[in-house]
Amino acid sequence: MDLKEAKAAVKPYLTTKRYEHTLRVADTAAELSDRFHASKNKAQFAAVFHDYAKYRSVNEMKRWILQSPELPKDLLYYHPELWHGPVGSILVEREHGIKDREIQSAVRYHTTGKAHMSDLELIVFVADYIEPGRDFPGLDKIREMAEHDLVKTAWMVSSNTIAYLLKKGNPIYPDTFYAYNDLTKRINGGN
């Protein structure tokens, strides 16, 4: 499967607006991969598939979580909005034969993040947040950071996500805290 085929594969599963977002995330991931010396091909593929499961029904996603040994069952205790990344990581293999674990992991953790994210995971995590169609207070500062420091940018994304969820009074998935803590250690030199 090439990138054009990947885009065609996801299009029927997304709204027009979400598909356009997906294309912008793929372009942003390509730019970041060039800037931070990661695989552009893998970054674009992961970005194209990052929201692949977003509009699957809650019941379908729940079935995938329950029947997939590689997915944690505690996801079911959190908002279904979090489910599309992990479920998408399974569907890219089952429905499209994409067995690349790095791509699957970048799809899986693009919303929550996790501790010890690879550069590819960081790129998709950041690209989804800073793509040019997004517009909210503080985003310009994060985009500026993305010009030179991927880890610090991901930390800013993680910090903002946690602050947003706390402000809304929403529960926060543990991987989101693990991502924040790990990124904090990384920018502070591992201490």
N, C-alpha and C. Protein backbone atom coordinates (compact mmCIF):
# COMPACT_ATOMS: atom_id res chain seq x y z
N MET A 1 0.85 -1.18 0.00
CA MET A 1 0.00 0.00 0.00
C MET A 1 0.88 1.24 0.00
N ASP A 2 0.59 2.16 -0.90
CA ASP A 2 1.32 3.42 -0.90
C ASP A 2 0.46 4.49 -0.20
N LEU A 3 1.01 5.67 -0.09
CA LEU A 3 0.34 6.74 0.66
C LEU A 3 -0.99 7.14 0.00
N LYS A 4 -1.02 7.16 -1.32
CA LYS A 4 -2.26 7.50 -2.03
C LYS A 4 -3.34 6.46 -1.72
N GLU A 5 -2.97 5.19 -1.71
CA GLU A 5 -3.93 4.13 -1.38
C GLU A 5 -4.39 4.23 0.08
N ALA A 6 -3.47 4.61 0.97
CA ALA A 6 -3.81 4.77 2.38
C ALA A 6 -4.85 5.88 2.55
N LYS A 7 -4.65 6.98 1.86
CA LYS A 7 -5.61 8.09 1.94
C LYS A 7 -6.98 7.65 1.42
N ALA A 8 -6.97 6.90 0.32
CA ALA A 8 -8.23 6.40 -0.24
C ALA A 8 -8.91 5.42 0.72
N ALA A 9 -8.11 4.65 1.46
CA ALA A 9 -8.66 3.66 2.39
C ALA A 9 -9.36 4.32 3.58
N VAL A 10 -8.82 5.43 4.07
CA VAL A 10 -9.43 6.06 5.25
C VAL A 10 -10.60 6.98 4.90
N LYS A 11 -10.61 7.52 3.71
CA LYS A 11 -11.60 8.53 3.34
C LYS A 11 -13.05 8.10 3.60
N PRO A 12 -13.45 6.88 3.24
CA PRO A 12 -14.85 6.49 3.46
C PRO A 12 -15.25 6.41 4.94
N TYR A 13 -14.28 6.37 5.83
CA TYR A 13 -14.55 6.22 7.26
C TYR A 13 -14.56 7.55 8.01
N LEU A 14 -14.30 8.64 7.29
CA LEU A 14 -14.19 9.96 7.93
C LEU A 14 -15.16 10.94 7.31
N THR A 15 -15.55 11.93 8.10
CA THR A 15 -16.31 13.04 7.54
C THR A 15 -15.37 13.85 6.65
N THR A 16 -15.92 14.70 5.82
CA THR A 16 -15.08 15.55 4.96
C THR A 16 -14.14 16.39 5.80
N LYS A 17 -14.69 16.99 6.85
CA LYS A 17 -13.88 17.84 7.73
C LYS A 17 -12.76 17.03 8.40
N ARG A 18 -13.05 15.82 8.86
CA ARG A 18 -12.05 14.99 9.52
C ARG A 18 -11.01 14.49 8.52
N TYR A 19 -11.44 14.21 7.29
CA TYR A 19 -10.50 13.78 6.26
C TYR A 19 -9.52 14.92 5.94
N GLU A 20 -10.02 16.13 5.83
CA GLU A 20 -9.14 17.28 5.58
C GLU A 20 -8.17 17.48 6.74
N HIS A 21 -8.66 17.30 7.97
CA HIS A 21 -7.77 17.33 9.14
C HIS A 21 -6.68 16.27 9.00
N THR A 22 -7.07 15.07 8.61
CA THR A 22 -6.13 13.96 8.47
C THR A 22 -5.03 14.31 7.46
N LEU A 23 -5.41 14.90 6.35
CA LEU A 23 -4.41 15.28 5.34
C LEU A 23 -3.44 16.33 5.90
N ARG A 24 -3.97 17.27 6.68
CA ARG A 24 -3.11 18.30 7.29
C ARG A 24 -2.18 17.68 8.34
N VAL A 25 -2.68 16.71 9.10
CA VAL A 25 -1.84 16.02 10.08
C VAL A 25 -0.72 15.28 9.35
N ALA A 26 -1.04 14.64 8.24
CA ALA A 26 -0.02 13.92 7.46
C ALA A 26 1.05 14.89 6.93
N ASP A 27 0.62 16.04 6.44
CA ASP A 27 1.58 17.04 5.96
C ASP A 27 2.45 17.57 7.10
N THR A 28 1.82 17.82 8.24
CA THR A 28 2.56 18.31 9.40
C THR A 28 3.54 17.25 9.90
N ALA A 29 3.10 16.00 9.92
CA ALA A 29 3.98 14.90 10.34
C ALA A 29 5.17 14.77 9.39
N ALA A 30 4.95 14.98 8.10
CA ALA A 30 6.05 14.93 7.13
C ALA A 30 7.07 16.03 7.42
N GLU A 31 6.58 17.24 7.70
CA GLU A 31 7.47 18.36 8.02
C GLU A 31 8.27 18.06 9.29
N LEU A 32 7.58 17.57 10.31
CA LEU A 32 8.27 17.27 11.57
C LEU A 32 9.28 16.14 11.40
N SER A 33 8.94 15.14 10.60
CA SER A 33 9.88 14.03 10.41
C SER A 33 11.13 14.50 9.68
N ASP A 34 10.97 15.41 8.73
CA ASP A 34 12.16 16.00 8.08
C ASP A 34 12.99 16.79 9.08
N ARG A 35 12.31 17.58 9.89
CA ARG A 35 13.00 18.44 10.86
C ARG A 35 13.74 17.64 11.93
N PHE A 36 13.12 16.53 12.36
CA PHE A 36 13.69 15.78 13.49
C PHE A 36 14.24 14.41 13.08
N HIS A 37 14.48 14.24 11.78
CA HIS A 37 15.20 13.08 11.24
C HIS A 37 14.55 11.74 11.58
N ALA A 38 13.25 11.68 11.37
CA ALA A 38 12.51 10.43 11.56
C ALA A 38 12.03 9.96 10.18
N SER A 39 11.49 8.77 10.12
CA SER A 39 11.00 8.21 8.86
C SER A 39 9.76 8.98 8.39
N LYS A 40 9.91 9.69 7.29
CA LYS A 40 8.79 10.45 6.73
C LYS A 40 7.67 9.51 6.30
N ASN A 41 8.03 8.40 5.68
CA ASN A 41 7.03 7.45 5.20
C ASN A 41 6.18 6.92 6.36
N LYS A 42 6.84 6.49 7.44
CA LYS A 42 6.08 5.97 8.59
C LYS A 42 5.25 7.07 9.25
N ALA A 43 5.80 8.26 9.34
CA ALA A 43 5.07 9.37 9.96
C ALA A 43 3.81 9.69 9.16
N GLN A 44 3.93 9.70 7.84
CA GLN A 44 2.76 10.00 7.01
C GLN A 44 1.72 8.88 7.09
N PHE A 45 2.16 7.63 7.07
CA PHE A 45 1.22 6.52 7.18
C PHE A 45 0.49 6.55 8.52
N ALA A 46 1.23 6.74 9.59
CA ALA A 46 0.60 6.79 10.92
C ALA A 46 -0.37 7.96 11.00
N ALA A 47 0.01 9.09 10.44
CA ALA A 47 -0.87 10.26 10.47
C ALA A 47 -2.13 10.03 9.64
N VAL A 48 -1.99 9.41 8.50
CA VAL A 48 -3.17 9.14 7.66
C VAL A 48 -4.15 8.22 8.40
N PHE A 49 -3.63 7.26 9.15
CA PHE A 49 -4.50 6.30 9.83
C PHE A 49 -4.84 6.69 11.27
N HIS A 50 -4.35 7.84 11.76
CA HIS A 50 -4.51 8.13 13.19
C HIS A 50 -5.98 8.21 13.63
N ASP A 51 -6.86 8.69 12.79
CA ASP A 51 -8.29 8.79 13.15
C ASP A 51 -9.16 7.77 12.42
N TYR A 52 -8.54 6.73 11.92
CA TYR A 52 -9.24 5.73 11.11
C TYR A 52 -10.48 5.17 11.81
N ALA A 53 -10.39 4.96 13.12
CA ALA A 53 -11.51 4.36 13.86
C ALA A 53 -12.41 5.39 14.55
N LYS A 54 -12.16 6.66 14.32
CA LYS A 54 -12.84 7.72 15.08
C LYS A 54 -14.37 7.66 14.98
N TYR A 55 -14.88 7.29 13.84
CA TYR A 55 -16.34 7.27 13.67
C TYR A 55 -16.93 5.87 13.68
N ARG A 56 -16.16 4.91 14.15
CA ARG A 56 -16.73 3.58 14.35
C ARG A 56 -17.68 3.68 15.54
N SER A 57 -18.67 2.84 15.57
CA SER A 57 -19.63 2.91 16.67
C SER A 57 -18.97 2.53 17.99
N VAL A 58 -19.53 3.05 19.06
CA VAL A 58 -19.04 2.72 20.39
C VAL A 58 -19.09 1.21 20.61
N ASN A 59 -20.16 0.57 20.15
CA ASN A 59 -20.28 -0.88 20.32
C ASN A 59 -19.19 -1.64 19.56
N GLU A 60 -18.89 -1.20 18.34
CA GLU A 60 -17.83 -1.86 17.57
C GLU A 60 -16.48 -1.69 18.27
N MET A 61 -16.18 -0.44 18.70
CA MET A 61 -14.90 -0.21 19.37
C MET A 61 -14.82 -1.03 20.66
N LYS A 62 -15.90 -1.09 21.40
CA LYS A 62 -15.93 -1.87 22.64
C LYS A 62 -15.63 -3.34 22.34
N ARG A 63 -16.21 -3.87 21.27
CA ARG A 63 -15.95 -5.28 20.89
C ARG A 63 -14.47 -5.50 20.59
N TRP A 64 -13.87 -4.56 19.86
CA TRP A 64 -12.43 -4.69 19.55
C TRP A 64 -11.59 -4.65 20.82
N ILE A 65 -11.93 -3.77 21.73
CA ILE A 65 -11.17 -3.69 22.99
C ILE A 65 -11.31 -5.00 23.77
N LEU A 66 -12.51 -5.52 23.84
CA LEU A 66 -12.74 -6.76 24.60
C LEU A 66 -12.08 -7.98 23.96
N GLN A 67 -12.04 -8.04 22.64
CA GLN A 67 -11.50 -9.24 21.99
C GLN A 67 -10.02 -9.15 21.64
N SER A 68 -9.40 -7.99 21.81
CA SER A 68 -7.98 -7.83 21.43
C SER A 68 -7.10 -7.91 22.66
N PRO A 69 -6.33 -8.99 22.79
CA PRO A 69 -5.50 -9.14 23.99
C PRO A 69 -4.48 -8.02 24.17
N GLU A 70 -4.10 -7.36 23.08
CA GLU A 70 -3.10 -6.31 23.17
C GLU A 70 -3.66 -4.97 23.67
N LEU A 71 -4.98 -4.87 23.79
CA LEU A 71 -5.58 -3.62 24.27
C LEU A 71 -6.00 -3.75 25.73
N PRO A 72 -5.66 -2.74 26.54
CA PRO A 72 -6.04 -2.79 27.95
C PRO A 72 -7.54 -2.59 28.14
N LYS A 73 -8.11 -3.41 28.99
CA LYS A 73 -9.56 -3.35 29.23
C LYS A 73 -9.96 -2.11 30.03
N ASP A 74 -9.02 -1.48 30.73
CA ASP A 74 -9.36 -0.29 31.50
C ASP A 74 -9.77 0.88 30.61
N LEU A 75 -9.51 0.80 29.31
CA LEU A 75 -10.01 1.83 28.39
C LEU A 75 -11.51 2.01 28.52
N LEU A 76 -12.19 0.91 28.81
CA LEU A 76 -13.65 0.92 28.87
C LEU A 76 -14.18 1.79 30.01
N TYR A 77 -13.33 2.13 30.97
CA TYR A 77 -13.74 2.98 32.09
C TYR A 77 -13.59 4.47 31.78
N TYR A 78 -13.08 4.77 30.58
CA TYR A 78 -12.84 6.15 30.18
C TYR A 78 -13.70 6.50 28.98
N HIS A 79 -13.76 7.76 28.67
CA HIS A 79 -14.62 8.25 27.59
C HIS A 79 -14.29 7.54 26.27
N PRO A 80 -15.32 7.14 25.54
CA PRO A 80 -15.08 6.46 24.25
C PRO A 80 -14.25 7.25 23.25
N GLU A 81 -14.15 8.56 23.43
CA GLU A 81 -13.30 9.38 22.56
C GLU A 81 -11.85 8.88 22.56
N LEU A 82 -11.44 8.27 23.66
CA LEU A 82 -10.07 7.73 23.75
C LEU A 82 -9.89 6.41 23.02
N TRP A 83 -10.95 5.76 22.69
CA TRP A 83 -10.87 4.40 22.15
C TRP A 83 -10.39 4.33 20.71
N HIS A 84 -10.59 5.41 19.94
CA HIS A 84 -10.32 5.30 18.50
C HIS A 84 -8.85 5.09 18.16
N GLY A 85 -7.93 5.60 18.99
CA GLY A 85 -6.51 5.37 18.73
C GLY A 85 -6.13 3.91 18.91
N PRO A 86 -6.39 3.35 20.10
CA PRO A 86 -6.08 1.93 20.29
C PRO A 86 -6.81 1.01 19.32
N VAL A 87 -8.08 1.26 19.08
CA VAL A 87 -8.83 0.42 18.14
C VAL A 87 -8.27 0.59 16.73
N GLY A 88 -7.97 1.81 16.35
CA GLY A 88 -7.38 2.06 15.03
C GLY A 88 -6.08 1.32 14.82
N SER A 89 -5.29 1.20 15.89
CA SER A 89 -4.01 0.48 15.78
C SER A 89 -4.22 -1.00 15.47
N ILE A 90 -5.33 -1.54 15.90
CA ILE A 90 -5.68 -2.93 15.60
C ILE A 90 -6.24 -3.03 14.17
N LEU A 91 -7.12 -2.11 13.82
CA LEU A 91 -7.79 -2.16 12.52
C LEU A 91 -6.84 -1.97 11.34
N VAL A 92 -5.78 -1.18 11.52
CA VAL A 92 -4.86 -0.99 10.39
C VAL A 92 -4.21 -2.31 9.99
N GLU A 93 -3.98 -3.16 10.97
CA GLU A 93 -3.43 -4.48 10.64
C GLU A 93 -4.53 -5.41 10.12
N ARG A 94 -5.64 -5.49 10.83
CA ARG A 94 -6.70 -6.43 10.46
C ARG A 94 -7.34 -6.11 9.12
N GLU A 95 -7.53 -4.82 8.84
CA GLU A 95 -8.24 -4.45 7.62
C GLU A 95 -7.34 -4.06 6.46
N HIS A 96 -6.06 -3.72 6.76
CA HIS A 96 -5.17 -3.24 5.69
C HIS A 96 -3.79 -3.90 5.70
N GLY A 97 -3.58 -4.85 6.60
CA GLY A 97 -2.33 -5.60 6.60
C GLY A 97 -1.11 -4.82 7.04
N ILE A 98 -1.31 -3.68 7.70
CA ILE A 98 -0.17 -2.88 8.17
C ILE A 98 0.30 -3.47 9.50
N LYS A 99 1.44 -4.14 9.45
CA LYS A 99 1.96 -4.84 10.62
C LYS A 99 3.14 -4.12 11.27
N ASP A 100 3.45 -2.96 10.78
CA ASP A 100 4.57 -2.19 11.32
C ASP A 100 4.21 -1.71 12.73
N ARG A 101 4.91 -2.22 13.71
CA ARG A 101 4.60 -1.92 15.12
C ARG A 101 4.79 -0.44 15.45
N GLU A 102 5.75 0.23 14.79
CA GLU A 102 5.96 1.65 15.05
C GLU A 102 4.76 2.48 14.57
N ILE A 103 4.26 2.16 13.39
CA ILE A 103 3.09 2.86 12.87
C ILE A 103 1.88 2.58 13.75
N GLN A 104 1.68 1.31 14.11
CA GLN A 104 0.55 0.95 14.96
C GLN A 104 0.62 1.68 16.30
N SER A 105 1.80 1.77 16.87
CA SER A 105 1.95 2.43 18.16
C SER A 105 1.68 3.93 18.05
N ALA A 106 2.13 4.55 16.98
CA ALA A 106 1.88 5.99 16.79
C ALA A 106 0.38 6.26 16.65
N VAL A 107 -0.33 5.36 15.97
CA VAL A 107 -1.79 5.49 15.87
C VAL A 107 -2.41 5.30 17.25
N ARG A 108 -1.97 4.27 17.95
CA ARG A 108 -2.55 3.93 19.25
C ARG A 108 -2.45 5.05 20.27
N TYR A 109 -1.31 5.73 20.32
CA TYR A 109 -1.06 6.70 21.39
C TYR A 109 -1.16 8.16 20.94
N HIS A 110 -1.73 8.42 19.77
CA HIS A 110 -1.75 9.80 19.28
C HIS A 110 -2.61 10.73 20.13
N THR A 111 -3.55 10.20 20.89
CA THR A 111 -4.41 11.03 21.73
C THR A 111 -3.89 11.12 23.15
N THR A 112 -3.54 10.00 23.75
CA THR A 112 -3.15 9.98 25.15
C THR A 112 -1.66 10.22 25.36
N GLY A 113 -0.85 9.83 24.39
CA GLY A 113 0.58 9.76 24.64
C GLY A 113 0.85 8.59 25.56
N LYS A 114 2.11 8.43 25.94
CA LYS A 114 2.53 7.38 26.87
C LYS A 114 3.95 7.69 27.30
N ALA A 115 4.42 6.99 28.30
CA ALA A 115 5.82 7.14 28.71
C ALA A 115 6.71 6.57 27.61
N HIS A 116 7.88 7.14 27.47
CA HIS A 116 8.93 6.63 26.57
C HIS A 116 8.49 6.63 25.10
N MET A 117 7.81 7.68 24.67
CA MET A 117 7.40 7.75 23.27
C MET A 117 8.63 7.85 22.37
N SER A 118 8.55 7.13 21.26
CA SER A 118 9.58 7.22 20.22
C SER A 118 9.40 8.53 19.47
N ASP A 119 10.39 8.87 18.63
CA ASP A 119 10.25 10.09 17.83
C ASP A 119 9.03 10.02 16.92
N LEU A 120 8.77 8.86 16.35
CA LEU A 120 7.59 8.71 15.48
C LEU A 120 6.30 8.94 16.28
N GLU A 121 6.21 8.38 17.46
CA GLU A 121 5.02 8.59 18.30
C GLU A 121 4.89 10.06 18.67
N LEU A 122 6.00 10.69 19.02
CA LEU A 122 5.98 12.12 19.35
C LEU A 122 5.51 12.96 18.17
N ILE A 123 5.99 12.62 16.98
CA ILE A 123 5.65 13.38 15.79
C ILE A 123 4.15 13.33 15.51
N VAL A 124 3.55 12.17 15.58
CA VAL A 124 2.11 12.06 15.30
C VAL A 124 1.30 12.72 16.41
N PHE A 125 1.73 12.54 17.66
CA PHE A 125 1.09 13.18 18.82
C PHE A 125 1.08 14.70 18.65
N VAL A 126 2.21 15.26 18.25
CA VAL A 126 2.34 16.71 18.07
C VAL A 126 1.62 17.17 16.81
N ALA A 127 1.80 16.46 15.70
CA ALA A 127 1.20 16.87 14.43
C ALA A 127 -0.32 16.97 14.53
N ASP A 128 -0.93 16.03 15.23
CA ASP A 128 -2.38 16.06 15.42
C ASP A 128 -2.82 17.32 16.15
N TYR A 129 -2.00 17.80 17.04
CA TYR A 129 -2.33 18.96 17.87
C TYR A 129 -2.07 20.30 17.16
N ILE A 130 -1.00 20.36 16.36
CA ILE A 130 -0.58 21.66 15.81
C ILE A 130 -0.92 21.85 14.34
N GLU A 131 -1.57 20.87 13.71
CA GLU A 131 -1.84 21.01 12.27
C GLU A 131 -2.51 22.36 11.99
N PRO A 132 -2.29 22.92 10.79
CA PRO A 132 -2.71 24.30 10.50
C PRO A 132 -4.20 24.60 10.63
N GLY A 133 -5.05 23.60 10.62
CA GLY A 133 -6.48 23.84 10.77
C GLY A 133 -6.92 24.09 12.20
N ARG A 134 -6.05 23.80 13.14
CA ARG A 134 -6.39 24.03 14.55
C ARG A 134 -6.17 25.50 14.89
N ASP A 135 -6.99 26.00 15.81
CA ASP A 135 -6.86 27.40 16.22
C ASP A 135 -7.44 27.55 17.62
N PHE A 136 -6.57 27.74 18.59
CA PHE A 136 -7.01 28.01 19.95
C PHE A 136 -5.88 28.74 20.68
N PRO A 137 -6.20 29.40 21.80
CA PRO A 137 -5.20 30.20 22.50
C PRO A 137 -3.97 29.38 22.89
N GLY A 138 -2.80 29.96 22.66
CA GLY A 138 -1.54 29.32 23.05
C GLY A 138 -0.93 28.43 21.99
N LEU A 139 -1.65 28.18 20.92
CA LEU A 139 -1.16 27.25 19.90
C LEU A 139 0.05 27.80 19.15
N ASP A 140 0.10 29.10 18.93
CA ASP A 140 1.24 29.68 18.21
C ASP A 140 2.56 29.42 18.96
N LYS A 141 2.51 29.50 20.27
CA LYS A 141 3.70 29.25 21.09
C LYS A 141 4.16 27.79 20.94
N ILE A 142 3.21 26.88 20.88
CA ILE A 142 3.54 25.46 20.71
C ILE A 142 4.11 25.22 19.32
N ARG A 143 3.52 25.84 18.32
CA ARG A 143 4.05 25.71 16.95
C ARG A 143 5.46 26.26 16.84
N GLU A 144 5.72 27.36 17.53
CA GLU A 144 7.09 27.92 17.54
C GLU A 144 8.07 26.92 18.16
N MET A 145 7.68 26.29 19.25
CA MET A 145 8.55 25.30 19.88
C MET A 145 8.81 24.13 18.95
N ALA A 146 7.80 23.77 18.14
CA ALA A 146 7.94 22.64 17.21
C ALA A 146 8.98 22.91 16.12
N GLU A 147 9.42 24.14 16.01
CA GLU A 147 10.47 24.46 15.05
C GLU A 147 11.83 23.92 15.47
N HIS A 148 12.01 23.66 16.78
CA HIS A 148 13.35 23.25 17.21
C HIS A 148 13.43 22.21 18.32
N ASP A 149 12.34 21.87 19.01
CA ASP A 149 12.44 20.90 20.11
C ASP A 149 11.18 20.04 20.17
N LEU A 150 11.30 18.82 19.68
CA LEU A 150 10.15 17.91 19.61
C LEU A 150 9.68 17.48 20.99
N VAL A 151 10.60 17.16 21.87
CA VAL A 151 10.23 16.68 23.21
C VAL A 151 9.54 17.79 24.00
N LYS A 152 10.10 18.97 23.96
CA LYS A 152 9.48 20.08 24.69
C LYS A 152 8.11 20.42 24.10
N THR A 153 7.98 20.31 22.79
CA THR A 153 6.67 20.55 22.16
C THR A 153 5.66 19.53 22.66
N ALA A 154 6.05 18.26 22.67
CA ALA A 154 5.14 17.21 23.15
C ALA A 154 4.78 17.44 24.62
N TRP A 155 5.74 17.92 25.40
CA TRP A 155 5.46 18.23 26.81
C TRP A 155 4.41 19.34 26.90
N MET A 156 4.53 20.36 26.05
CA MET A 156 3.55 21.45 26.05
C MET A 156 2.16 20.93 25.66
N VAL A 157 2.12 20.05 24.67
CA VAL A 157 0.85 19.45 24.25
C VAL A 157 0.26 18.67 25.41
N SER A 158 1.08 17.85 26.05
CA SER A 158 0.62 17.03 27.17
C SER A 158 0.12 17.92 28.32
N SER A 159 0.87 18.95 28.64
CA SER A 159 0.48 19.88 29.71
C SER A 159 -0.86 20.54 29.41
N ASN A 160 -1.02 21.01 28.18
CA ASN A 160 -2.27 21.66 27.80
C ASN A 160 -3.44 20.70 27.83
N THR A 161 -3.20 19.48 27.39
CA THR A 161 -4.27 18.47 27.39
C THR A 161 -4.73 18.18 28.81
N ILE A 162 -3.78 18.00 29.71
CA ILE A 162 -4.13 17.72 31.11
C ILE A 162 -4.87 18.91 31.72
N ALA A 163 -4.38 20.12 31.48
CA ALA A 163 -5.04 21.32 32.02
C ALA A 163 -6.48 21.43 31.49
N TYR A 164 -6.65 21.16 30.20
CA TYR A 164 -7.98 21.22 29.59
C TYR A 164 -8.92 20.20 30.23
N LEU A 165 -8.45 18.97 30.39
CA LEU A 165 -9.29 17.93 30.97
C LEU A 165 -9.62 18.21 32.44
N LEU A 166 -8.65 18.74 33.18
CA LEU A 166 -8.90 19.11 34.57
C LEU A 166 -9.95 20.22 34.66
N LYS A 167 -9.81 21.22 33.78
CA LYS A 167 -10.76 22.33 33.78
C LYS A 167 -12.18 21.85 33.49
N LYS A 168 -12.31 20.86 32.61
CA LYS A 168 -13.62 20.32 32.26
C LYS A 168 -14.13 19.31 33.30
N GLY A 169 -13.26 18.93 34.24
CA GLY A 169 -13.66 17.96 35.25
C GLY A 169 -13.74 16.54 34.71
N ASN A 170 -12.99 16.28 33.62
CA ASN A 170 -13.01 14.95 33.01
C ASN A 170 -11.95 14.04 33.61
N PRO A 171 -12.22 12.73 33.68
CA PRO A 171 -11.18 11.81 34.11
C PRO A 171 -10.05 11.78 33.07
N ILE A 172 -8.86 11.51 33.53
CA ILE A 172 -7.68 11.52 32.66
C ILE A 172 -7.09 10.12 32.63
N TYR A 173 -6.91 9.60 31.43
CA TYR A 173 -6.38 8.26 31.26
C TYR A 173 -4.94 8.21 31.79
N PRO A 174 -4.56 7.17 32.51
CA PRO A 174 -3.22 7.11 33.12
C PRO A 174 -2.06 7.33 32.14
N ASP A 175 -2.17 6.83 30.91
CA ASP A 175 -1.07 7.04 29.95
C ASP A 175 -0.79 8.51 29.71
N THR A 176 -1.81 9.35 29.84
CA THR A 176 -1.61 10.78 29.65
C THR A 176 -0.71 11.34 30.75
N PHE A 177 -0.94 10.90 31.98
CA PHE A 177 -0.05 11.30 33.08
C PHE A 177 1.35 10.72 32.90
N TYR A 178 1.43 9.46 32.47
CA TYR A 178 2.74 8.84 32.26
C TYR A 178 3.52 9.58 31.19
N ALA A 179 2.82 10.01 30.14
CA ALA A 179 3.48 10.78 29.08
C ALA A 179 4.01 12.09 29.66
N TYR A 180 3.17 12.80 30.37
CA TYR A 180 3.58 14.08 30.96
C TYR A 180 4.79 13.91 31.88
N ASN A 181 4.72 12.93 32.77
CA ASN A 181 5.83 12.71 33.71
C ASN A 181 7.12 12.35 32.99
N ASP A 182 7.03 11.47 32.01
CA ASP A 182 8.22 11.07 31.27
C ASP A 182 8.79 12.25 30.48
N LEU A 183 7.93 13.02 29.81
CA LEU A 183 8.41 14.17 29.05
C LEU A 183 9.03 15.22 29.97
N THR A 184 8.45 15.41 31.14
CA THR A 184 9.03 16.33 32.12
C THR A 184 10.43 15.89 32.50
N LYS A 185 10.61 14.61 32.77
CA LYS A 185 11.94 14.08 33.09
C LYS A 185 12.90 14.28 31.93
N ARG A 186 12.43 14.03 30.73
CA ARG A 186 13.31 14.16 29.55
C ARG A 186 13.78 15.58 29.35
N ILE A 187 12.90 16.55 29.53
CA ILE A 187 13.34 17.94 29.33
C ILE A 187 14.17 18.46 30.49
N ASN A 188 14.06 17.77 31.63
CA ASN A 188 14.88 18.15 32.79
C ASN A 188 16.14 17.29 32.92
N GLY A 189 16.50 16.62 31.84
CA GLY A 189 17.72 15.83 31.84
C GLY A 189 17.61 14.50 32.56
N GLY A 190 16.41 13.97 32.66
CA GLY A 190 16.24 12.64 33.26
C GLY A 190 16.12 12.63 34.76
N ASN A 191 16.11 13.80 35.39
CA ASN A 191 16.02 13.86 36.87
C ASN A 191 14.59 13.92 37.34
